[in-house]
Amino acid sequence: MRTTSYSEFRRNLAENMDRVSADQEPVLITRDRGKAAAVLMSLEDYASFEETRYLLRSPRNAERLTEATQALDRGEGDERELRD
C-alpha cells in the first residue's frame, strides 16, 4: 500500500484520487502528532470490501465459502457457463 502524508496528499488531491481509482490500490494517509491515519480507496474497492464483509458476517456462510474455496483449490470444482 502506498503511503503519503496528509500535506502531500492534499497538495496533489486530484492526482492522488485519479491514481487510487486507476491503480485500484489504496493509499495510507498519515498525520502528525499521533493523529489517526486514514485510507483512501476507490469506490469499486470499497463496494467489494463491503460485499465481502456482508458475506462473511454469518459464521455459517463464512464456513461454506471457505470450504468451497478450498475445494476449488484442490481442483474439485465444476466449470459452468454463466447465463446472461
PDB file of N, CA and C in Angstrom:
ATOM      1  N   MET A   1       0.855  -1.170   0.000  1.00  0.00           N
ATOM      2  CA  MET A   1       0.000   0.000   0.000  1.00  0.00           C
ATOM      3  C   MET A   1       0.899   1.230   0.000  1.00  0.00           C
ATOM      4  N   ARG A   2       0.597   2.120  -0.882  1.00  0.00           N
ATOM      5  CA  ARG A   2       1.339   3.374  -0.962  1.00  0.00           C
ATOM      6  C   ARG A   2       0.997   4.235   0.247  1.00  0.00           C
ATOM      7  N   THR A   3       1.984   4.977   0.745  1.00  0.00           N
ATOM      8  CA  THR A   3       1.797   5.850   1.901  1.00  0.00           C
ATOM      9  C   THR A   3       2.180   7.272   1.527  1.00  0.00           C
ATOM     10  N   THR A   4       1.414   8.231   2.017  1.00  0.00           N
ATOM     11  CA  THR A   4       1.726   9.640   1.801  1.00  0.00           C
ATOM     12  C   THR A   4       1.289  10.432   3.024  1.00  0.00           C
ATOM     13  N   SER A   5       1.889  11.579   3.210  1.00  0.00           N
ATOM     14  CA  SER A   5       1.485  12.437   4.326  1.00  0.00           C
ATOM     15  C   SER A   5       0.208  13.186   3.952  1.00  0.00           C
ATOM     16  N   TYR A   6      -0.487  13.649   4.968  1.00  0.00           N
ATOM     17  CA  TYR A   6      -1.705  14.422   4.747  1.00  0.00           C
ATOM     18  C   TYR A   6      -1.410  15.654   3.896  1.00  0.00           C
ATOM     19  N   SER A   7      -0.323  16.358   4.217  1.00  0.00           N
ATOM     20  CA  SER A   7       0.020  17.584   3.483  1.00  0.00           C
ATOM     21  C   SER A   7       0.297  17.290   2.017  1.00  0.00           C
ATOM     22  N   GLU A   8       1.074  16.241   1.755  1.00  0.00           N
ATOM     23  CA  GLU A   8       1.389  15.867   0.375  1.00  0.00           C
ATOM     24  C   GLU A   8       0.123  15.405  -0.352  1.00  0.00           C
ATOM     25  N   PHE A   9      -0.706  14.655   0.323  1.00  0.00           N
ATOM     26  CA  PHE A   9      -1.953  14.191  -0.279  1.00  0.00           C
ATOM     27  C   PHE A   9      -2.837  15.374  -0.661  1.00  0.00           C
ATOM     28  N   ARG A  10      -2.957  16.319   0.235  1.00  0.00           N
ATOM     29  CA  ARG A  10      -3.792  17.497  -0.001  1.00  0.00           C
ATOM     30  C   ARG A  10      -3.265  18.327  -1.170  1.00  0.00           C
ATOM     31  N   ARG A  11      -1.930  18.480  -1.254  1.00  0.00           N
ATOM     32  CA  ARG A  11      -1.334  19.265  -2.346  1.00  0.00           C
ATOM     33  C   ARG A  11      -1.652  18.662  -3.710  1.00  0.00           C
ATOM     34  N   ASN A  12      -1.760  17.352  -3.767  1.00  0.00           N
ATOM     35  CA  ASN A  12      -1.986  16.649  -5.036  1.00  0.00           C
ATOM     36  C   ASN A  12      -3.280  15.839  -4.986  1.00  0.00           C
ATOM     37  N   LEU A  13      -4.325  16.438  -4.467  1.00  0.00           N
ATOM     38  CA  LEU A  13      -5.578  15.729  -4.224  1.00  0.00           C
ATOM     39  C   LEU A  13      -6.127  15.053  -5.480  1.00  0.00           C
ATOM     40  N   ALA A  14      -6.309  15.808  -6.549  1.00  0.00           N
ATOM     41  CA  ALA A  14      -6.902  15.236  -7.767  1.00  0.00           C
ATOM     42  C   ALA A  14      -6.033  14.113  -8.323  1.00  0.00           C
ATOM     43  N   GLU A  15      -4.725  14.328  -8.350  1.00  0.00           N
ATOM     44  CA  GLU A  15      -3.806  13.306  -8.855  1.00  0.00           C
ATOM     45  C   GLU A  15      -3.871  12.038  -8.000  1.00  0.00           C
ATOM     46  N   ASN A  16      -3.911  12.211  -6.687  1.00  0.00           N
ATOM     47  CA  ASN A  16      -3.997  11.059  -5.791  1.00  0.00           C
ATOM     48  C   ASN A  16      -5.305  10.301  -5.976  1.00  0.00           C
ATOM     49  N   MET A  17      -6.396  11.021  -6.119  1.00  0.00           N
ATOM     50  CA  MET A  17      -7.684  10.359  -6.327  1.00  0.00           C
ATOM     51  C   MET A  17      -7.704   9.612  -7.657  1.00  0.00           C
ATOM     52  N   ASP A  18      -7.165  10.236  -8.698  1.00  0.00           N
ATOM     53  CA  ASP A  18      -7.099   9.576 -10.004  1.00  0.00           C
ATOM     54  C   ASP A  18      -6.255   8.306  -9.930  1.00  0.00           C
ATOM     55  N   ARG A  19      -5.130   8.388  -9.222  1.00  0.00           N
ATOM     56  CA  ARG A  19      -4.229   7.238  -9.119  1.00  0.00           C
ATOM     57  C   ARG A  19      -4.885   6.086  -8.357  1.00  0.00           C
ATOM     58  N   VAL A  20      -5.578   6.400  -7.279  1.00  0.00           N
ATOM     59  CA  VAL A  20      -6.265   5.370  -6.497  1.00  0.00           C
ATOM     60  C   VAL A  20      -7.312   4.669  -7.360  1.00  0.00           C
ATOM     61  N   SER A  21      -8.044   5.431  -8.137  1.00  0.00           N
ATOM     62  CA  SER A  21      -9.074   4.839  -8.999  1.00  0.00           C
ATOM     63  C   SER A  21      -8.465   4.022 -10.134  1.00  0.00           C
ATOM     64  N   ALA A  22      -7.415   4.540 -10.748  1.00  0.00           N
ATOM     65  CA  ALA A  22      -6.810   3.860 -11.894  1.00  0.00           C
ATOM     66  C   ALA A  22      -6.055   2.600 -11.484  1.00  0.00           C
ATOM     67  N   ASP A  23      -5.304   2.684 -10.387  1.00  0.00           N
ATOM     68  CA  ASP A  23      -4.456   1.562  -9.964  1.00  0.00           C
ATOM     69  C   ASP A  23      -5.189   0.551  -9.093  1.00  0.00           C
ATOM     70  N   GLN A  24      -6.368   0.905  -8.611  1.00  0.00           N
ATOM     71  CA  GLN A  24      -7.103   0.040  -7.676  1.00  0.00           C
ATOM     72  C   GLN A  24      -6.234  -0.311  -6.469  1.00  0.00           C
ATOM     73  N   GLU A  25      -5.392   0.644  -6.042  1.00  0.00           N
ATOM     74  CA  GLU A  25      -4.531   0.444  -4.880  1.00  0.00           C
ATOM     75  C   GLU A  25      -4.825   1.538  -3.859  1.00  0.00           C
ATOM     76  N   PRO A  26      -5.208   1.159  -2.653  1.00  0.00           N
ATOM     77  CA  PRO A  26      -5.485   2.160  -1.624  1.00  0.00           C
ATOM     78  C   PRO A  26      -4.228   2.942  -1.261  1.00  0.00           C
ATOM     79  N   VAL A  27      -4.414   4.098  -0.665  1.00  0.00           N
ATOM     80  CA  VAL A  27      -3.288   4.903  -0.188  1.00  0.00           C
ATOM     81  C   VAL A  27      -3.503   5.195   1.294  1.00  0.00           C
ATOM     82  N   LEU A  28      -2.450   5.012   2.079  1.00  0.00           N
ATOM     83  CA  LEU A  28      -2.472   5.311   3.505  1.00  0.00           C
ATOM     84  C   LEU A  28      -2.056   6.759   3.679  1.00  0.00           C
ATOM     85  N   ILE A  29      -2.893   7.543   4.340  1.00  0.00           N
ATOM     86  CA  ILE A  29      -2.627   8.964   4.552  1.00  0.00           C
ATOM     87  C   ILE A  29      -2.265   9.152   6.017  1.00  0.00           C
ATOM     88  N   THR A  30      -0.998   9.512   6.259  1.00  0.00           N
ATOM     89  CA  THR A  30      -0.510   9.670   7.630  1.00  0.00           C
ATOM     90  C   THR A  30      -0.681  11.110   8.092  1.00  0.00           C
ATOM     91  N   ARG A  31      -0.710  11.286   9.419  1.00  0.00           N
ATOM     92  CA  ARG A  31      -0.855  12.621  10.009  1.00  0.00           C
ATOM     93  C   ARG A  31       0.162  12.791  11.132  1.00  0.00           C
ATOM     94  N   ASP A  32       0.447  14.025  11.467  1.00  0.00           N
ATOM     95  CA  ASP A  32       1.419  14.341  12.517  1.00  0.00           C
ATOM     96  C   ASP A  32       0.803  14.256  13.902  1.00  0.00           C
ATOM     97  N   ARG A  33       1.689  14.267  14.885  1.00  0.00           N
ATOM     98  CA  ARG A  33       1.320  14.371  16.302  1.00  0.00           C
ATOM     99  C   ARG A  33       0.395  13.252  16.782  1.00  0.00           C
ATOM    100  N   GLY A  34       0.592  12.064  16.279  1.00  0.00           N
ATOM    101  CA  GLY A  34      -0.172  10.925  16.766  1.00  0.00           C
ATOM    102  C   GLY A  34      -1.628  10.882  16.348  1.00  0.00           C
ATOM    103  N   LYS A  35      -2.030  11.756  15.435  1.00  0.00           N
ATOM    104  CA  LYS A  35      -3.421  11.727  14.962  1.00  0.00           C
ATOM    105  C   LYS A  35      -3.639  10.482  14.106  1.00  0.00           C
ATOM    106  N   ALA A  36      -4.853   9.993  14.136  1.00  0.00           N
ATOM    107  CA  ALA A  36      -5.184   8.759  13.412  1.00  0.00           C
ATOM    108  C   ALA A  36      -4.958   8.915  11.910  1.00  0.00           C
ATOM    109  N   ALA A  37      -4.404   7.882  11.308  1.00  0.00           N
ATOM    110  CA  ALA A  37      -4.214   7.848   9.861  1.00  0.00           C
ATOM    111  C   ALA A  37      -5.533   7.457   9.198  1.00  0.00           C
ATOM    112  N   ALA A  38      -5.575   7.586   7.881  1.00  0.00           N
ATOM    113  CA  ALA A  38      -6.770   7.220   7.118  1.00  0.00           C
ATOM    114  C   ALA A  38      -6.333   6.487   5.852  1.00  0.00           C
ATOM    115  N   VAL A  39      -7.270   5.783   5.253  1.00  0.00           N
ATOM    116  CA  VAL A  39      -7.014   5.077   3.999  1.00  0.00           C
ATOM    117  C   VAL A  39      -8.024   5.558   2.970  1.00  0.00           C
ATOM    118  N   LEU A  40      -7.537   5.866   1.781  1.00  0.00           N
ATOM    119  CA  LEU A  40      -8.417   6.217   0.667  1.00  0.00           C
ATOM    120  C   LEU A  40      -8.378   5.063  -0.321  1.00  0.00           C
ATOM    121  N   MET A  41      -9.558   4.598  -0.717  1.00  0.00           N
ATOM    122  CA  MET A  41      -9.652   3.532  -1.712  1.00  0.00           C
ATOM    123  C   MET A  41     -10.720   3.911  -2.729  1.00  0.00           C
ATOM    124  N   SER A  42     -10.661   3.260  -3.875  1.00  0.00           N
ATOM    125  CA  SER A  42     -11.649   3.534  -4.912  1.00  0.00           C
ATOM    126  C   SER A  42     -13.030   3.076  -4.446  1.00  0.00           C
ATOM    127  N   LEU A  43     -14.049   3.661  -5.021  1.00  0.00           N
ATOM    128  CA  LEU A  43     -15.419   3.270  -4.687  1.00  0.00           C
ATOM    129  C   LEU A  43     -15.653   1.803  -5.033  1.00  0.00           C
ATOM    130  N   GLU A  44     -15.085   1.351  -6.134  1.00  0.00           N
ATOM    131  CA  GLU A  44     -15.226  -0.055  -6.544  1.00  0.00           C
ATOM    132  C   GLU A  44     -14.617  -0.991  -5.493  1.00  0.00           C
ATOM    133  N   ASP A  45     -13.426  -0.648  -4.998  1.00  0.00           N
ATOM    134  CA  ASP A  45     -12.792  -1.467  -3.960  1.00  0.00           C
ATOM    135  C   ASP A  45     -13.593  -1.435  -2.665  1.00  0.00           C
ATOM    136  N   TYR A  46     -14.123  -0.281  -2.330  1.00  0.00           N
ATOM    137  CA  TYR A  46     -14.926  -0.164  -1.111  1.00  0.00           C
ATOM    138  C   TYR A  46     -16.182  -1.035  -1.209  1.00  0.00           C
ATOM    139  N   ALA A  47     -16.845  -0.994  -2.356  1.00  0.00           N
ATOM    140  CA  ALA A  47     -18.049  -1.811  -2.549  1.00  0.00           C
ATOM    141  C   ALA A  47     -17.708  -3.297  -2.436  1.00  0.00           C
ATOM    142  N   SER A  48     -16.576  -3.696  -2.990  1.00  0.00           N
ATOM    143  CA  SER A  48     -16.138  -5.087  -2.896  1.00  0.00           C
ATOM    144  C   SER A  48     -15.851  -5.469  -1.448  1.00  0.00           C
ATOM    145  N   PHE A  49     -15.194  -4.587  -0.722  1.00  0.00           N
ATOM    146  CA  PHE A  49     -14.899  -4.812   0.692  1.00  0.00           C
ATOM    147  C   PHE A  49     -16.192  -4.984   1.487  1.00  0.00           C
ATOM    148  N   GLU A  50     -17.155  -4.120   1.257  1.00  0.00           N
ATOM    149  CA  GLU A  50     -18.429  -4.194   1.975  1.00  0.00           C
ATOM    150  C   GLU A  50     -19.189  -5.477   1.644  1.00  0.00           C
ATOM    151  N   GLU A  51     -19.153  -5.884   0.381  1.00  0.00           N
ATOM    152  CA  GLU A  51     -19.824  -7.125  -0.020  1.00  0.00           C
ATOM    153  C   GLU A  51     -19.177  -8.327   0.667  1.00  0.00           C
ATOM    154  N   THR A  52     -17.855  -8.354   0.688  1.00  0.00           N
ATOM    155  CA  THR A  52     -17.142  -9.448   1.358  1.00  0.00           C
ATOM    156  C   THR A  52     -17.467  -9.470   2.844  1.00  0.00           C
ATOM    157  N   ARG A  53     -17.465  -8.310   3.455  1.00  0.00           N
ATOM    158  CA  ARG A  53     -17.783  -8.212   4.883  1.00  0.00           C
ATOM    159  C   ARG A  53     -19.197  -8.728   5.153  1.00  0.00           C
ATOM    160  N   TYR A  54     -20.126  -8.385   4.272  1.00  0.00           N
ATOM    161  CA  TYR A  54     -21.509  -8.843   4.414  1.00  0.00           C
ATOM    162  C   TYR A  54     -21.587 -10.369   4.305  1.00  0.00           C
ATOM    163  N   LEU A  55     -20.895 -10.925   3.307  1.00  0.00           N
ATOM    164  CA  LEU A  55     -20.948 -12.376   3.094  1.00  0.00           C
ATOM    165  C   LEU A  55     -20.297 -13.158   4.229  1.00  0.00           C
ATOM    166  N   LEU A  56     -19.290 -12.582   4.860  1.00  0.00           N
ATOM    167  CA  LEU A  56     -18.580 -13.275   5.938  1.00  0.00           C
ATOM    168  C   LEU A  56     -19.166 -12.993   7.313  1.00  0.00           C
ATOM    169  N   ARG A  57     -20.170 -12.146   7.372  1.00  0.00           N
ATOM    170  CA  ARG A  57     -20.786 -11.776   8.654  1.00  0.00           C
ATOM    171  C   ARG A  57     -21.395 -12.987   9.354  1.00  0.00           C
ATOM    172  N   SER A  58     -22.005 -13.855   8.594  1.00  0.00           N
ATOM    173  CA  SER A  58     -22.597 -15.070   9.146  1.00  0.00           C
ATOM    174  C   SER A  58     -21.509 -16.137   9.268  1.00  0.00           C
ATOM    175  N   PRO A  59     -21.268 -16.660  10.469  1.00  0.00           N
ATOM    176  CA  PRO A  59     -20.244 -17.701  10.619  1.00  0.00           C
ATOM    177  C   PRO A  59     -20.499 -18.913   9.720  1.00  0.00           C
ATOM    178  N   ARG A  60     -21.741 -19.305   9.568  1.00  0.00           N
ATOM    179  CA  ARG A  60     -22.063 -20.461   8.719  1.00  0.00           C
ATOM    180  C   ARG A  60     -21.745 -20.162   7.257  1.00  0.00           C
ATOM    181  N   ASN A  61     -22.099 -18.980   6.792  1.00  0.00           N
ATOM    182  CA  ASN A  61     -21.811 -18.619   5.406  1.00  0.00           C
ATOM    183  C   ASN A  61     -20.303 -18.512   5.186  1.00  0.00           C
ATOM    184  N   ALA A  62     -19.589 -17.955   6.153  1.00  0.00           N
ATOM    185  CA  ALA A  62     -18.129 -17.862   6.054  1.00  0.00           C
ATOM    186  C   ALA A  62     -17.515 -19.256   5.949  1.00  0.00           C
ATOM    187  N   GLU A  63     -18.038 -20.187   6.722  1.00  0.00           N
ATOM    188  CA  GLU A  63     -17.552 -21.571   6.686  1.00  0.00           C
ATOM    189  C   GLU A  63     -17.821 -22.208   5.325  1.00  0.00           C
ATOM    190  N   ARG A  64     -19.020 -22.008   4.800  1.00  0.00           N
ATOM    191  CA  ARG A  64     -19.369 -22.568   3.489  1.00  0.00           C
ATOM    192  C   ARG A  64     -18.476 -21.995   2.387  1.00  0.00           C
ATOM    193  N   LEU A  65     -18.226 -20.682   2.435  1.00  0.00           N
ATOM    194  CA  LEU A  65     -17.375 -20.058   1.423  1.00  0.00           C
ATOM    195  C   LEU A  65     -15.937 -20.557   1.521  1.00  0.00           C
ATOM    196  N   THR A  66     -15.446 -20.728   2.742  1.00  0.00           N
ATOM    197  CA  THR A  66     -14.091 -21.254   2.942  1.00  0.00           C
ATOM    198  C   THR A  66     -13.985 -22.673   2.403  1.00  0.00           C
ATOM    199  N   GLU A  67     -14.972 -23.506   2.710  1.00  0.00           N
ATOM    200  CA  GLU A  67     -14.973 -24.886   2.215  1.00  0.00           C
ATOM    201  C   GLU A  67     -15.015 -24.924   0.685  1.00  0.00           C
ATOM    202  N   ALA A  68     -15.826 -24.067   0.095  1.00  0.00           N
ATOM    203  CA  ALA A  68     -15.937 -24.031  -1.364  1.00  0.00           C
ATOM    204  C   ALA A  68     -14.626 -23.573  -1.999  1.00  0.00           C
ATOM    205  N   THR A  69     -13.991 -22.578  -1.418  1.00  0.00           N
ATOM    206  CA  THR A  69     -12.711 -22.085  -1.931  1.00  0.00           C
ATOM    207  C   THR A  69     -11.639 -23.162  -1.834  1.00  0.00           C
ATOM    208  N   GLN A  70     -11.603 -23.864  -0.718  1.00  0.00           N
ATOM    209  CA  GLN A  70     -10.626 -24.941  -0.543  1.00  0.00           C
ATOM    210  C   GLN A  70     -10.873 -26.069  -1.542  1.00  0.00           C
ATOM    211  N   ALA A  71     -12.131 -26.391  -1.798  1.00  0.00           N
ATOM    212  CA  ALA A  71     -12.456 -27.426  -2.782  1.00  0.00           C
ATOM    213  C   ALA A  71     -11.975 -27.010  -4.173  1.00  0.00           C
ATOM    214  N   LEU A  72     -12.178 -25.750  -4.529  1.00  0.00           N
ATOM    215  CA  LEU A  72     -11.703 -25.260  -5.824  1.00  0.00           C
ATOM    216  C   LEU A  72     -10.185 -25.325  -5.906  1.00  0.00           C
ATOM    217  N   ASP A  73      -9.508 -24.973  -4.815  1.00  0.00           N
ATOM    218  CA  ASP A  73      -8.041 -25.039  -4.783  1.00  0.00           C
ATOM    219  C   ASP A  73      -7.534 -26.467  -4.971  1.00  0.00           C
ATOM    220  N   ARG A  74      -8.313 -27.447  -4.543  1.00  0.00           N
ATOM    221  CA  ARG A  74      -7.946 -28.860  -4.709  1.00  0.00           C
ATOM    222  C   ARG A  74      -8.344 -29.395  -6.089  1.00  0.00           C
ATOM    223  N   GLY A  75      -8.949 -28.545  -6.907  1.00  0.00           N
ATOM    224  CA  GLY A  75      -9.362 -28.962  -8.240  1.00  0.00           C
ATOM    225  C   GLY A  75     -10.671 -29.709  -8.261  1.00  0.00           C
ATOM    226  N   GLU A  76     -11.476 -29.541  -7.235  1.00  0.00           N
ATOM    227  CA  GLU A  76     -12.737 -30.278  -7.122  1.00  0.00           C
ATOM    228  C   GLU A  76     -13.943 -29.506  -7.648  1.00  0.00           C
ATOM    229  N   GLY A  77     -13.716 -28.396  -8.296  1.00  0.00           N
ATOM    230  CA  GLY A  77     -14.828 -27.589  -8.782  1.00  0.00           C
ATOM    231  C   GLY A  77     -15.297 -28.021 -10.154  1.00  0.00           C
ATOM    232  N   ASP A  78     -16.491 -27.620 -10.502  1.00  0.00           N
ATOM    233  CA  ASP A  78     -17.053 -27.865 -11.822  1.00  0.00           C
ATOM    234  C   ASP A  78     -17.147 -26.536 -12.551  1.00  0.00           C
ATOM    235  N   GLU A  79     -16.639 -26.501 -13.781  1.00  0.00           N
ATOM    236  CA  GLU A  79     -16.729 -25.286 -14.578  1.00  0.00           C
ATOM    237  C   GLU A  79     -18.108 -25.219 -15.214  1.00  0.00           C
ATOM    238  N   ARG A  80     -18.727 -24.059 -15.108  1.00  0.00           N
ATOM    239  CA  ARG A  80     -20.059 -23.862 -15.682  1.00  0.00           C
ATOM    240  C   ARG A  80     -20.072 -22.565 -16.466  1.00  0.00           C
ATOM    241  N   GLU A  81     -20.897 -22.548 -17.493  1.00  0.00           N
ATOM    242  CA  GLU A  81     -21.038 -21.344 -18.294  1.00  0.00           C
ATOM    243  C   GLU A  81     -22.078 -20.442 -17.637  1.00  0.00           C
ATOM    244  N   LEU A  82     -21.769 -19.168 -17.541  1.00  0.00           N
ATOM    245  CA  LEU A  82     -22.709 -18.217 -16.955  1.00  0.00           C
ATOM    246  C   LEU A  82     -23.718 -17.775 -17.998  1.00  0.00           C
ATOM    247  N   ARG A  83     -24.946 -17.629 -17.567  1.00  0.00           N
ATOM    248  CA  ARG A  83     -26.001 -17.141 -18.455  1.00  0.00           C
ATOM    249  C   ARG A  83     -26.077 -15.629 -18.359  1.00  0.00           C
ATOM    250  N   ASP A  84     -26.521 -15.013 -19.434  1.00  0.00           N
ATOM    251  CA  ASP A  84     -26.701 -13.551 -19.434  1.00  0.00           C
ATOM    252  C   ASP A  84     -27.921 -13.156 -18.661  1.00  0.00           C
TER     253      ASP A  84
END
